[in-house]
Amino acid sequence: MGKEVLIVIDVQKAVMENAYQCEEKITNMNRAIHRAREKQIPVIYVQHEYPEGPMKRGAEGWQLHPDLEKPLEQDAVIFKMVPNAFVNSSLKKTLDRVGADHLFICGAQTDYCVDSTSRGAFDHGYRVTLISDAHTTCSNEHLTAAQIIDHTQYTLTNFWSETATIDLKSSHELGWEKVK
């Protein structure tokens, strides 16, 4: 059996500004982070950035949300400029270095970076668990955030191959029992 890794995607101030159930979703993300650390499961933070504007590296909006558990020294931080965190980043090399085969994904935004990275992980042959109560997005002119989340979860869990899967578990169902 390979190794599990938790990936926390784009939980940054500007991204989370109008996020659906922001406080509740961050609480669930923090639950997953704490449990992963207790079980010595590597945690990888991903941060999106643009060359200019509120998502420019170092800008206020680029910073991690203040309520999110901050990276520790042993956690990897990956920077990206496109929705799929595997593209033009060090994510794949980082996962290879720890021998990852099962990725637990949470973060924002469901319909962009969470979806794209989940699909990218599937395409690379990873088992993916999308943490169903620990990802969020914003409503748009076509769909509410709740509809987007439901649709994305339905779509992703219908992906299948002989080498990869995507399933859903809540932050309470991860199977990472507390280490005493």
N, C-alpha and C. Protein backbone atom coordinates (compact mmCIF):
# COMPACT_ATOMS: atom_id res chain seq x y z
N MET A 1 0.84 -1.18 0.00
CA MET A 1 0.00 0.00 0.00
C MET A 1 0.88 1.24 0.00
N GLY A 2 0.46 2.24 -0.74
CA GLY A 2 1.22 3.48 -0.84
C GLY A 2 0.91 4.42 0.30
N LYS A 3 1.10 5.68 0.04
CA LYS A 3 0.99 6.67 1.08
C LYS A 3 -0.12 7.68 0.79
N GLU A 4 -0.82 8.05 1.85
CA GLU A 4 -1.87 9.07 1.75
C GLU A 4 -1.26 10.46 1.95
N VAL A 5 -1.84 11.45 1.26
CA VAL A 5 -1.41 12.84 1.38
C VAL A 5 -2.66 13.72 1.37
N LEU A 6 -2.67 14.74 2.19
CA LEU A 6 -3.75 15.73 2.19
C LEU A 6 -3.28 16.95 1.42
N ILE A 7 -4.11 17.40 0.47
CA ILE A 7 -3.81 18.60 -0.32
C ILE A 7 -4.88 19.66 -0.02
N VAL A 8 -4.45 20.83 0.39
CA VAL A 8 -5.32 21.95 0.75
C VAL A 8 -5.12 23.02 -0.33
N ILE A 9 -6.15 23.26 -1.12
CA ILE A 9 -6.03 24.09 -2.32
C ILE A 9 -6.61 25.50 -2.13
N ASP A 10 -5.80 26.50 -2.35
CA ASP A 10 -6.21 27.90 -2.55
C ASP A 10 -7.13 28.48 -1.48
N VAL A 11 -6.89 28.18 -0.22
CA VAL A 11 -7.71 28.75 0.85
C VAL A 11 -7.08 30.09 1.23
N GLN A 12 -7.20 31.03 0.30
CA GLN A 12 -6.58 32.34 0.40
C GLN A 12 -7.64 33.41 0.60
N LYS A 13 -7.24 34.52 1.18
CA LYS A 13 -8.19 35.59 1.52
C LYS A 13 -9.06 35.99 0.33
N ALA A 14 -8.47 36.31 -0.81
CA ALA A 14 -9.24 36.79 -1.96
C ALA A 14 -10.17 35.69 -2.51
N VAL A 15 -9.73 34.45 -2.47
CA VAL A 15 -10.52 33.34 -3.00
C VAL A 15 -11.72 33.07 -2.08
N MET A 16 -11.51 33.20 -0.79
CA MET A 16 -12.54 32.84 0.19
C MET A 16 -13.47 34.01 0.54
N GLU A 17 -13.25 35.16 -0.06
CA GLU A 17 -13.98 36.38 0.31
C GLU A 17 -15.51 36.20 0.31
N ASN A 18 -16.07 35.57 -0.70
CA ASN A 18 -17.52 35.36 -0.77
C ASN A 18 -17.87 33.88 -0.84
N ALA A 19 -17.01 33.05 -0.28
CA ALA A 19 -17.20 31.60 -0.38
C ALA A 19 -18.41 31.13 0.43
N TYR A 20 -19.07 30.17 -0.13
CA TYR A 20 -20.24 29.52 0.47
C TYR A 20 -19.83 28.81 1.76
N GLN A 21 -20.53 29.09 2.84
CA GLN A 21 -20.31 28.47 4.14
C GLN A 21 -18.82 28.50 4.53
N CYS A 22 -18.22 29.62 4.31
CA CYS A 22 -16.77 29.79 4.52
C CYS A 22 -16.30 29.28 5.89
N GLU A 23 -16.92 29.76 6.94
CA GLU A 23 -16.49 29.40 8.29
C GLU A 23 -16.59 27.88 8.53
N GLU A 24 -17.72 27.30 8.15
CA GLU A 24 -17.94 25.86 8.32
C GLU A 24 -16.94 25.04 7.49
N LYS A 25 -16.72 25.46 6.26
CA LYS A 25 -15.80 24.72 5.38
C LYS A 25 -14.37 24.78 5.91
N ILE A 26 -13.94 25.95 6.40
CA ILE A 26 -12.59 26.06 6.96
C ILE A 26 -12.47 25.21 8.23
N THR A 27 -13.50 25.18 9.05
CA THR A 27 -13.49 24.31 10.24
C THR A 27 -13.26 22.86 9.83
N ASN A 28 -13.94 22.42 8.78
CA ASN A 28 -13.80 21.04 8.30
C ASN A 28 -12.42 20.81 7.69
N MET A 29 -11.89 21.80 6.98
CA MET A 29 -10.52 21.69 6.45
C MET A 29 -9.53 21.55 7.60
N ASN A 30 -9.70 22.38 8.63
CA ASN A 30 -8.80 22.32 9.78
C ASN A 30 -8.90 20.97 10.49
N ARG A 31 -10.10 20.40 10.56
CA ARG A 31 -10.27 19.06 11.14
C ARG A 31 -9.42 18.06 10.35
N ALA A 32 -9.49 18.12 9.03
CA ALA A 32 -8.72 17.20 8.19
C ALA A 32 -7.21 17.42 8.38
N ILE A 33 -6.79 18.67 8.45
CA ILE A 33 -5.37 18.99 8.65
C ILE A 33 -4.89 18.43 9.99
N HIS A 34 -5.65 18.66 11.06
CA HIS A 34 -5.26 18.16 12.39
C HIS A 34 -5.18 16.64 12.40
N ARG A 35 -6.17 15.99 11.83
CA ARG A 35 -6.15 14.52 11.81
C ARG A 35 -5.00 13.98 10.97
N ALA A 36 -4.73 14.62 9.85
CA ALA A 36 -3.61 14.19 9.01
C ALA A 36 -2.30 14.31 9.79
N ARG A 37 -2.11 15.42 10.45
CA ARG A 37 -0.87 15.61 11.22
C ARG A 37 -0.74 14.60 12.34
N GLU A 38 -1.86 14.31 13.04
CA GLU A 38 -1.83 13.32 14.11
C GLU A 38 -1.42 11.95 13.59
N LYS A 39 -1.81 11.66 12.37
CA LYS A 39 -1.53 10.36 11.75
C LYS A 39 -0.24 10.38 10.95
N GLN A 40 0.47 11.52 10.98
CA GLN A 40 1.72 11.72 10.24
C GLN A 40 1.52 11.56 8.73
N ILE A 41 0.38 12.02 8.26
CA ILE A 41 0.08 12.06 6.83
C ILE A 41 0.57 13.41 6.32
N PRO A 42 1.39 13.44 5.27
CA PRO A 42 1.89 14.72 4.77
C PRO A 42 0.75 15.66 4.34
N VAL A 43 0.94 16.93 4.62
CA VAL A 43 -0.02 17.97 4.23
C VAL A 43 0.69 18.88 3.23
N ILE A 44 0.01 19.11 2.11
CA ILE A 44 0.53 20.00 1.07
C ILE A 44 -0.46 21.15 0.89
N TYR A 45 0.04 22.36 1.01
CA TYR A 45 -0.77 23.55 0.75
C TYR A 45 -0.47 24.02 -0.66
N VAL A 46 -1.52 24.44 -1.37
CA VAL A 46 -1.36 24.98 -2.72
C VAL A 46 -1.88 26.42 -2.69
N GLN A 47 -1.12 27.33 -3.28
CA GLN A 47 -1.55 28.73 -3.37
C GLN A 47 -1.50 29.19 -4.81
N HIS A 48 -2.62 29.77 -5.24
CA HIS A 48 -2.72 30.33 -6.58
C HIS A 48 -2.11 31.73 -6.57
N GLU A 49 -1.56 32.12 -7.72
CA GLU A 49 -1.03 33.48 -7.82
C GLU A 49 -1.14 33.99 -9.24
N TYR A 50 -1.24 35.31 -9.34
CA TYR A 50 -1.24 36.01 -10.62
C TYR A 50 -0.07 36.98 -10.62
N PRO A 51 0.37 37.43 -11.80
CA PRO A 51 1.48 38.38 -11.85
C PRO A 51 1.13 39.73 -11.21
N GLU A 52 -0.14 40.12 -11.23
CA GLU A 52 -0.56 41.41 -10.68
C GLU A 52 -1.88 41.25 -9.94
N GLY A 53 -2.28 42.27 -9.18
CA GLY A 53 -3.57 42.29 -8.53
C GLY A 53 -3.58 41.64 -7.16
N PRO A 54 -4.79 41.37 -6.64
CA PRO A 54 -4.91 40.87 -5.27
C PRO A 54 -4.32 39.47 -5.06
N MET A 55 -4.09 38.72 -6.15
CA MET A 55 -3.52 37.38 -6.03
C MET A 55 -2.03 37.35 -6.38
N LYS A 56 -1.41 38.52 -6.46
CA LYS A 56 0.04 38.57 -6.67
C LYS A 56 0.72 38.05 -5.40
N ARG A 57 1.75 37.22 -5.58
CA ARG A 57 2.45 36.63 -4.44
C ARG A 57 2.85 37.73 -3.46
N GLY A 58 2.46 37.54 -2.21
CA GLY A 58 2.77 38.49 -1.16
C GLY A 58 1.66 39.50 -0.89
N ALA A 59 0.74 39.69 -1.83
CA ALA A 59 -0.36 40.64 -1.64
C ALA A 59 -1.30 40.14 -0.54
N GLU A 60 -2.07 41.06 0.01
CA GLU A 60 -3.00 40.71 1.09
C GLU A 60 -3.96 39.59 0.68
N GLY A 61 -4.58 39.68 -0.50
CA GLY A 61 -5.53 38.67 -0.97
C GLY A 61 -4.90 37.32 -1.24
N TRP A 62 -3.60 37.30 -1.49
CA TRP A 62 -2.88 36.06 -1.78
C TRP A 62 -2.61 35.25 -0.51
N GLN A 63 -2.61 35.91 0.63
CA GLN A 63 -2.30 35.25 1.91
C GLN A 63 -3.33 34.17 2.23
N LEU A 64 -2.91 33.16 2.96
CA LEU A 64 -3.85 32.14 3.43
C LEU A 64 -4.89 32.78 4.33
N HIS A 65 -6.10 32.25 4.29
CA HIS A 65 -7.18 32.78 5.12
C HIS A 65 -6.75 32.71 6.59
N PRO A 66 -7.03 33.75 7.37
CA PRO A 66 -6.56 33.77 8.76
C PRO A 66 -7.11 32.65 9.63
N ASP A 67 -8.26 32.09 9.29
CA ASP A 67 -8.84 31.01 10.10
C ASP A 67 -8.31 29.62 9.73
N LEU A 68 -7.58 29.53 8.62
CA LEU A 68 -7.04 28.24 8.20
C LEU A 68 -5.79 27.91 9.01
N GLU A 69 -5.69 26.64 9.42
CA GLU A 69 -4.48 26.15 10.09
C GLU A 69 -3.29 26.41 9.16
N LYS A 70 -2.28 27.08 9.67
CA LYS A 70 -1.13 27.48 8.85
C LYS A 70 -0.17 26.31 8.61
N PRO A 71 0.57 26.36 7.51
CA PRO A 71 1.56 25.31 7.25
C PRO A 71 2.63 25.27 8.35
N LEU A 72 3.03 24.06 8.67
CA LEU A 72 4.14 23.85 9.59
C LEU A 72 5.41 23.63 8.78
N GLU A 73 6.53 23.58 9.44
CA GLU A 73 7.81 23.44 8.76
C GLU A 73 7.86 22.19 7.87
N GLN A 74 7.23 21.11 8.31
CA GLN A 74 7.28 19.86 7.54
C GLN A 74 6.30 19.84 6.37
N ASP A 75 5.38 20.79 6.29
CA ASP A 75 4.39 20.83 5.22
C ASP A 75 4.98 21.45 3.96
N ALA A 76 4.62 20.92 2.82
CA ALA A 76 5.04 21.50 1.54
C ALA A 76 4.06 22.60 1.15
N VAL A 77 4.57 23.64 0.52
CA VAL A 77 3.73 24.70 -0.05
C VAL A 77 4.07 24.78 -1.53
N ILE A 78 3.05 24.64 -2.36
CA ILE A 78 3.19 24.62 -3.81
C ILE A 78 2.52 25.87 -4.37
N PHE A 79 3.17 26.53 -5.31
CA PHE A 79 2.60 27.71 -5.95
C PHE A 79 2.22 27.37 -7.39
N LYS A 80 1.09 27.91 -7.83
CA LYS A 80 0.60 27.61 -9.18
C LYS A 80 -0.02 28.84 -9.80
N MET A 81 -0.16 28.81 -11.14
CA MET A 81 -0.76 29.93 -11.85
C MET A 81 -1.94 29.51 -12.73
N VAL A 82 -2.27 28.22 -12.72
CA VAL A 82 -3.42 27.71 -13.47
C VAL A 82 -4.25 26.85 -12.51
N PRO A 83 -5.51 26.57 -12.86
CA PRO A 83 -6.37 25.81 -11.94
C PRO A 83 -5.83 24.43 -11.53
N ASN A 84 -5.27 23.66 -12.45
CA ASN A 84 -4.78 22.33 -12.14
C ASN A 84 -3.40 22.45 -11.47
N ALA A 85 -3.33 22.08 -10.20
CA ALA A 85 -2.10 22.24 -9.43
C ALA A 85 -0.94 21.37 -9.92
N PHE A 86 -1.21 20.44 -10.83
CA PHE A 86 -0.15 19.61 -11.39
C PHE A 86 0.61 20.31 -12.52
N VAL A 87 0.01 21.35 -13.11
CA VAL A 87 0.58 22.00 -14.28
C VAL A 87 1.60 23.06 -13.86
N ASN A 88 2.82 22.92 -14.39
CA ASN A 88 3.90 23.90 -14.16
C ASN A 88 4.14 24.19 -12.68
N SER A 89 4.11 23.13 -11.87
CA SER A 89 4.39 23.28 -10.44
C SER A 89 5.23 22.09 -9.98
N SER A 90 5.59 22.10 -8.72
CA SER A 90 6.38 21.01 -8.15
C SER A 90 5.51 19.95 -7.47
N LEU A 91 4.19 19.99 -7.69
CA LEU A 91 3.31 19.07 -6.98
C LEU A 91 3.63 17.61 -7.26
N LYS A 92 3.74 17.22 -8.52
CA LYS A 92 3.98 15.82 -8.87
C LYS A 92 5.30 15.33 -8.27
N LYS A 93 6.35 16.12 -8.36
CA LYS A 93 7.65 15.74 -7.78
C LYS A 93 7.54 15.58 -6.26
N THR A 94 6.79 16.46 -5.63
CA THR A 94 6.61 16.38 -4.18
C THR A 94 5.86 15.09 -3.81
N LEU A 95 4.82 14.77 -4.56
CA LEU A 95 4.06 13.54 -4.31
C LEU A 95 4.91 12.30 -4.57
N ASP A 96 5.70 12.33 -5.63
CA ASP A 96 6.59 11.20 -5.93
C ASP A 96 7.61 11.01 -4.81
N ARG A 97 8.13 12.10 -4.28
CA ARG A 97 9.15 12.03 -3.24
C ARG A 97 8.64 11.31 -1.98
N VAL A 98 7.36 11.49 -1.66
CA VAL A 98 6.80 10.82 -0.47
C VAL A 98 6.13 9.49 -0.80
N GLY A 99 6.10 9.12 -2.08
CA GLY A 99 5.50 7.85 -2.48
C GLY A 99 3.98 7.84 -2.42
N ALA A 100 3.37 8.99 -2.66
CA ALA A 100 1.91 9.12 -2.55
C ALA A 100 1.18 8.29 -3.61
N ASP A 101 0.07 7.70 -3.20
CA ASP A 101 -0.82 7.06 -4.17
C ASP A 101 -2.29 7.38 -3.91
N HIS A 102 -2.59 7.98 -2.75
CA HIS A 102 -3.97 8.32 -2.39
C HIS A 102 -3.99 9.76 -1.90
N LEU A 103 -4.67 10.63 -2.66
CA LEU A 103 -4.73 12.05 -2.34
C LEU A 103 -6.08 12.41 -1.77
N PHE A 104 -6.08 13.10 -0.65
CA PHE A 104 -7.28 13.65 -0.04
C PHE A 104 -7.26 15.13 -0.36
N ILE A 105 -8.32 15.62 -0.99
CA ILE A 105 -8.32 16.99 -1.50
C ILE A 105 -9.43 17.80 -0.85
N CYS A 106 -9.06 19.04 -0.45
CA CYS A 106 -10.03 20.00 0.07
C CYS A 106 -9.60 21.39 -0.38
N GLY A 107 -10.46 22.38 -0.19
CA GLY A 107 -10.06 23.75 -0.51
C GLY A 107 -11.07 24.51 -1.33
N ALA A 108 -10.55 25.39 -2.20
CA ALA A 108 -11.39 26.27 -2.99
C ALA A 108 -10.73 26.50 -4.36
N GLN A 109 -11.40 26.88 -5.29
CA GLN A 109 -12.82 26.88 -5.50
C GLN A 109 -13.22 25.57 -6.15
N THR A 110 -14.34 25.04 -5.70
CA THR A 110 -14.80 23.73 -6.14
C THR A 110 -14.78 23.58 -7.65
N ASP A 111 -15.37 24.54 -8.35
CA ASP A 111 -15.57 24.42 -9.80
C ASP A 111 -14.34 24.80 -10.62
N TYR A 112 -13.30 25.25 -10.00
CA TYR A 112 -12.09 25.61 -10.72
C TYR A 112 -10.93 24.74 -10.25
N CYS A 113 -10.22 25.20 -9.25
CA CYS A 113 -8.97 24.54 -8.87
C CYS A 113 -9.16 23.20 -8.17
N VAL A 114 -10.20 23.04 -7.37
CA VAL A 114 -10.46 21.74 -6.74
C VAL A 114 -10.83 20.72 -7.80
N ASP A 115 -11.75 21.07 -8.69
CA ASP A 115 -12.15 20.17 -9.78
C ASP A 115 -10.96 19.85 -10.69
N SER A 116 -10.24 20.87 -11.14
CA SER A 116 -9.13 20.66 -12.07
C SER A 116 -8.02 19.81 -11.46
N THR A 117 -7.70 20.06 -10.22
CA THR A 117 -6.64 19.29 -9.56
C THR A 117 -7.10 17.85 -9.30
N SER A 118 -8.36 17.66 -8.95
CA SER A 118 -8.89 16.30 -8.77
C SER A 118 -8.82 15.52 -10.08
N ARG A 119 -9.20 16.17 -11.16
CA ARG A 119 -9.11 15.52 -12.47
C ARG A 119 -7.65 15.24 -12.85
N GLY A 120 -6.76 16.18 -12.56
CA GLY A 120 -5.34 15.98 -12.84
C GLY A 120 -4.79 14.82 -12.05
N ALA A 121 -5.17 14.71 -10.80
CA ALA A 121 -4.72 13.58 -9.96
C ALA A 121 -5.23 12.26 -10.53
N PHE A 122 -6.49 12.24 -10.93
CA PHE A 122 -7.07 11.05 -11.55
C PHE A 122 -6.29 10.67 -12.81
N ASP A 123 -6.00 11.67 -13.65
CA ASP A 123 -5.25 11.42 -14.89
C ASP A 123 -3.84 10.89 -14.63
N HIS A 124 -3.27 11.23 -13.47
CA HIS A 124 -1.94 10.72 -13.09
C HIS A 124 -2.02 9.35 -12.41
N GLY A 125 -3.24 8.81 -12.25
CA GLY A 125 -3.39 7.48 -11.69
C GLY A 125 -3.52 7.40 -10.19
N TYR A 126 -3.76 8.53 -9.52
CA TYR A 126 -3.93 8.52 -8.07
C TYR A 126 -5.35 8.11 -7.69
N ARG A 127 -5.46 7.49 -6.52
CA ARG A 127 -6.76 7.37 -5.87
C ARG A 127 -7.03 8.73 -5.25
N VAL A 128 -8.22 9.26 -5.45
CA VAL A 128 -8.56 10.59 -4.95
C VAL A 128 -9.78 10.48 -4.04
N THR A 129 -9.69 11.11 -2.89
CA THR A 129 -10.85 11.31 -2.03
C THR A 129 -11.06 12.80 -1.91
N LEU A 130 -12.19 13.25 -2.43
CA LEU A 130 -12.58 14.65 -2.28
C LEU A 130 -13.32 14.75 -0.95
N ILE A 131 -12.84 15.61 -0.06
CA ILE A 131 -13.46 15.74 1.25
C ILE A 131 -14.72 16.58 1.09
N SER A 132 -15.86 15.90 1.14
CA SER A 132 -17.14 16.46 0.68
C SER A 132 -17.60 17.69 1.44
N ASP A 133 -17.23 17.84 2.69
CA ASP A 133 -17.67 18.99 3.47
C ASP A 133 -16.55 20.00 3.70
N ALA A 134 -15.47 19.88 2.91
CA ALA A 134 -14.31 20.74 3.12
C ALA A 134 -13.81 21.35 1.81
N HIS A 135 -14.74 21.66 0.91
CA HIS A 135 -14.41 22.45 -0.27
C HIS A 135 -15.58 23.37 -0.56
N THR A 136 -15.28 24.50 -1.18
CA THR A 136 -16.30 25.52 -1.36
C THR A 136 -16.05 26.34 -2.61
N THR A 137 -17.03 27.14 -2.95
CA THR A 137 -16.95 28.05 -4.09
C THR A 137 -17.92 29.20 -3.86
N CYS A 138 -18.13 30.00 -4.88
CA CYS A 138 -19.08 31.11 -4.83
C CYS A 138 -20.18 30.87 -5.86
N SER A 139 -21.36 31.37 -5.58
CA SER A 139 -22.44 31.31 -6.56
C SER A 139 -22.06 32.15 -7.78
N ASN A 140 -22.65 31.81 -8.93
CA ASN A 140 -22.46 32.62 -10.12
C ASN A 140 -23.83 32.93 -10.72
N GLU A 141 -23.86 33.54 -11.89
CA GLU A 141 -25.15 33.93 -12.47
C GLU A 141 -25.97 32.74 -12.94
N HIS A 142 -25.38 31.55 -13.02
CA HIS A 142 -26.08 30.36 -13.50
C HIS A 142 -26.48 29.39 -12.40
N LEU A 143 -25.64 29.25 -11.38
CA LEU A 143 -25.87 28.24 -10.34
C LEU A 143 -25.50 28.79 -8.97
N THR A 144 -26.16 28.26 -7.95
CA THR A 144 -25.75 28.60 -6.59
C THR A 144 -24.50 27.80 -6.25
N ALA A 145 -23.79 28.23 -5.24
CA ALA A 145 -22.60 27.49 -4.80
C ALA A 145 -22.96 26.06 -4.42
N ALA A 146 -24.08 25.87 -3.73
CA ALA A 146 -24.51 24.52 -3.34
C ALA A 146 -24.74 23.65 -4.57
N GLN A 147 -25.35 24.20 -5.62
CA GLN A 147 -25.56 23.44 -6.86
C GLN A 147 -24.24 23.09 -7.53
N ILE A 148 -23.31 24.03 -7.53
CA ILE A 148 -21.99 23.79 -8.13
C ILE A 148 -21.28 22.65 -7.38
N ILE A 149 -21.30 22.71 -6.06
CA ILE A 149 -20.67 21.67 -5.25
C ILE A 149 -21.30 20.31 -5.52
N ASP A 150 -22.63 20.25 -5.51
CA ASP A 150 -23.34 18.98 -5.78
C ASP A 150 -23.00 18.44 -7.16
N HIS A 151 -23.03 19.31 -8.16
CA HIS A 151 -22.74 18.88 -9.53
C HIS A 151 -21.31 18.38 -9.65
N THR A 152 -20.36 19.11 -9.10
CA THR A 152 -18.96 18.71 -9.18
C THR A 152 -18.74 17.36 -8.50
N GLN A 153 -19.31 17.18 -7.32
CA GLN A 153 -19.16 15.91 -6.61
C GLN A 153 -19.78 14.76 -7.40
N TYR A 154 -20.94 14.99 -7.96
CA TYR A 154 -21.59 13.95 -8.76
C TYR A 154 -20.72 13.58 -9.96
N THR A 155 -20.25 14.59 -10.66
CA THR A 155 -19.44 14.35 -11.86
C THR A 155 -18.15 13.61 -11.53
N LEU A 156 -17.42 14.11 -10.55
CA LEU A 156 -16.12 13.52 -10.23
C LEU A 156 -16.24 12.08 -9.73
N THR A 157 -17.28 11.78 -8.99
CA THR A 157 -17.41 10.42 -8.45
C THR A 157 -17.89 9.43 -9.51
N ASN A 158 -18.16 9.89 -10.68
CA ASN A 158 -18.50 8.99 -11.78
C ASN A 158 -17.30 8.74 -12.69
N PHE A 159 -16.12 9.24 -12.31
CA PHE A 159 -14.89 8.92 -13.02
C PHE A 159 -14.45 7.53 -12.57
N TRP A 160 -13.93 6.75 -13.48
CA TRP A 160 -13.43 5.42 -13.12
C TRP A 160 -12.40 4.98 -14.13
N SER A 161 -11.38 4.32 -13.66
CA SER A 161 -10.42 3.63 -14.52
C SER A 161 -9.87 2.46 -13.73
N GLU A 162 -9.07 1.64 -14.36
CA GLU A 162 -8.48 0.51 -13.66
C GLU A 162 -7.40 0.96 -12.67
N THR A 163 -6.86 2.16 -12.86
CA THR A 163 -5.76 2.61 -12.02
C THR A 163 -6.10 3.77 -11.10
N ALA A 164 -7.25 4.40 -11.27
CA ALA A 164 -7.57 5.58 -10.47
C ALA A 164 -9.05 5.63 -10.15
N THR A 165 -9.38 6.27 -9.05
CA THR A 165 -10.77 6.48 -8.64
C THR A 165 -10.89 7.84 -7.98
N ILE A 166 -12.11 8.33 -7.92
CA ILE A 166 -12.42 9.51 -7.12
C ILE A 166 -13.64 9.16 -6.29
N ASP A 167 -13.52 9.32 -4.96
CA ASP A 167 -14.66 9.09 -4.10
C ASP A 167 -14.82 10.27 -3.14
N LEU A 168 -15.89 10.24 -2.36
CA LEU A 168 -16.20 11.30 -1.41
C LEU A 168 -16.20 10.76 0.00
N LYS A 169 -15.68 11.53 0.92
CA LYS A 169 -15.81 11.26 2.35
C LYS A 169 -15.88 12.61 3.05
N SER A 170 -16.67 12.68 4.11
CA SER A 170 -16.70 13.91 4.88
C SER A 170 -15.47 13.97 5.78
N SER A 171 -15.25 15.12 6.37
CA SER A 171 -14.09 15.29 7.26
C SER A 171 -14.21 14.41 8.50
N HIS A 172 -15.40 13.92 8.79
CA HIS A 172 -15.61 13.02 9.93
C HIS A 172 -15.38 11.56 9.56
N GLU A 173 -15.30 11.25 8.26
CA GLU A 173 -15.23 9.86 7.80
C GLU A 173 -13.88 9.47 7.20
N LEU A 174 -12.86 10.22 7.44
CA LEU A 174 -11.59 10.00 6.76
C LEU A 174 -10.88 8.71 7.14
N GLY A 175 -11.24 8.15 8.30
CA GLY A 175 -10.60 6.92 8.73
C GLY A 175 -9.26 7.18 9.38
N TRP A 176 -8.96 8.42 9.63
CA TRP A 176 -7.71 8.78 10.29
C TRP A 176 -8.01 8.91 11.78
N GLU A 177 -7.99 7.81 12.47
CA GLU A 177 -8.28 7.83 13.90
C GLU A 177 -7.21 8.62 14.63
N LYS A 178 -7.61 9.25 15.70
CA LYS A 178 -6.65 10.05 16.46
C LYS A 178 -5.56 9.16 17.05
N VAL A 179 -4.34 9.63 16.96
CA VAL A 179 -3.20 8.94 17.54
C VAL A 179 -3.10 9.38 19.00
N LYS A 180 -2.93 8.43 19.91
CA LYS A 180 -2.86 8.79 21.34
C LYS A 180 -1.46 8.74 21.84
